[in-house]
Amino acid sequence: MDKKKESSPSKFSVPPFASDDEIWIKILEVLTPSEQLEASRSKSEFNDPYMGGKEIIVKRSDQSDIAVALLSEVTADGDEWAIYREL
């Protein structure tokens, strides 16, 4: 696999004011099938690291990290997110 492509983020959009559940579903759609099975919503961390910022650390049930999703842009049309996988 191309290392550059592997390290670049995956992106997705959600409607303005999307719920955590709606965002979680979009995150799962970006993950591989095996990552989807391993992802634990209850172990994952939903954080607001600064005013207007949002991050979701996607974790397995053993609490190891799969990926980090970061809110990258907010527009009137919706919110853009970027997902960075753990290598």
Protein backbone atom coordinates (compact mmCIF):
# COMPACT_ATOMS: atom_id res chain seq x y z
CA MET A 1 0.00 0.00 0.00
CA ASP A 2 1.20 3.52 -0.75
CA LYS A 3 2.65 4.90 2.50
CA LYS A 4 1.63 8.47 1.61
CA LYS A 5 -1.98 7.43 1.01
CA GLU A 6 -1.97 5.35 4.19
CA SER A 7 -0.91 8.35 6.32
CA SER A 8 -3.29 10.85 4.73
CA PRO A 9 -6.62 11.33 6.47
CA SER A 10 -9.95 9.96 5.35
CA LYS A 11 -12.67 12.61 5.30
CA PHE A 12 -16.43 12.73 5.72
CA SER A 13 -19.19 15.30 6.20
CA VAL A 14 -22.20 15.42 8.49
CA PRO A 15 -25.11 17.87 8.63
CA PRO A 16 -24.86 20.90 10.94
CA PHE A 17 -25.48 19.98 14.59
CA ALA A 18 -25.16 16.24 13.91
CA SER A 19 -25.45 14.05 17.00
CA ASP A 20 -22.59 11.92 18.33
CA ASP A 21 -24.50 8.87 17.06
CA GLU A 22 -24.66 10.29 13.52
CA ILE A 23 -20.93 11.08 13.61
CA TRP A 24 -20.12 7.58 14.96
CA ILE A 25 -22.01 5.97 12.05
CA LYS A 26 -20.01 8.04 9.55
CA ILE A 27 -16.75 7.07 11.27
CA LEU A 28 -17.66 3.39 10.99
CA GLU A 29 -18.36 3.82 7.26
CA VAL A 30 -14.77 5.03 6.74
CA LEU A 31 -13.12 2.21 8.72
CA THR A 32 -12.20 -1.17 7.24
CA PRO A 33 -14.57 -4.09 7.97
CA SER A 34 -12.21 -5.51 10.61
CA GLU A 35 -11.83 -2.08 12.25
CA GLN A 36 -15.63 -1.71 12.26
CA LEU A 37 -15.95 -4.98 14.19
CA GLU A 38 -13.24 -3.99 16.67
CA ALA A 39 -14.48 -0.43 17.29
CA SER A 40 -16.15 0.02 20.68
CA ARG A 41 -18.35 3.09 21.05
CA SER A 42 -18.46 2.73 24.84
CA LYS A 43 -14.64 2.65 25.12
CA SER A 44 -14.07 5.44 22.59
CA GLU A 45 -13.50 8.99 23.83
CA PHE A 46 -15.64 11.93 22.70
CA ASN A 47 -13.72 15.11 23.59
CA ASP A 48 -14.02 18.87 23.23
CA PRO A 49 -10.30 19.77 23.50
CA TYR A 50 -10.91 23.51 23.00
CA MET A 51 -13.79 25.91 22.33
CA GLY A 52 -15.43 24.81 19.08
CA GLY A 53 -13.14 21.81 18.68
CA LYS A 54 -14.22 18.21 18.72
CA GLU A 55 -12.29 14.94 18.57
CA ILE A 56 -13.25 11.31 18.83
CA ILE A 57 -10.62 8.72 19.72
CA VAL A 58 -11.89 5.44 18.27
CA LYS A 59 -10.89 2.56 20.55
CA ARG A 60 -11.15 -1.20 20.67
CA SER A 61 -12.70 -2.96 23.67
CA ASP A 62 -9.15 -3.44 25.07
CA GLN A 63 -8.85 0.38 24.91
CA SER A 64 -6.15 0.37 22.22
CA ASP A 65 -6.56 3.10 19.60
CA ILE A 66 -7.84 2.48 16.08
CA ALA A 67 -8.10 6.06 14.82
CA VAL A 68 -8.68 9.68 15.77
CA ALA A 69 -11.46 11.72 14.15
CA LEU A 70 -11.06 15.49 14.26
CA LEU A 71 -13.56 18.19 13.36
CA SER A 72 -11.70 20.09 10.64
CA GLU A 73 -14.19 22.62 9.29
CA VAL A 74 -17.62 23.97 10.21
CA THR A 75 -19.78 25.52 7.48
CA ALA A 76 -23.45 26.39 7.07
CA ASP A 77 -23.80 23.24 4.94
CA GLY A 78 -22.29 20.88 7.50
CA ASP A 79 -19.22 19.80 9.40
CA GLU A 80 -16.11 18.31 7.77
CA TRP A 81 -14.22 15.63 9.70
CA ALA A 82 -10.82 14.02 9.12
CA ILE A 83 -9.88 10.55 10.40
CA TYR A 84 -6.29 9.59 11.09
CA ARG A 85 -5.59 5.88 11.57
CA GLU A 86 -3.14 4.56 14.13
CA LEU A 87 -0.22 2.84 12.40
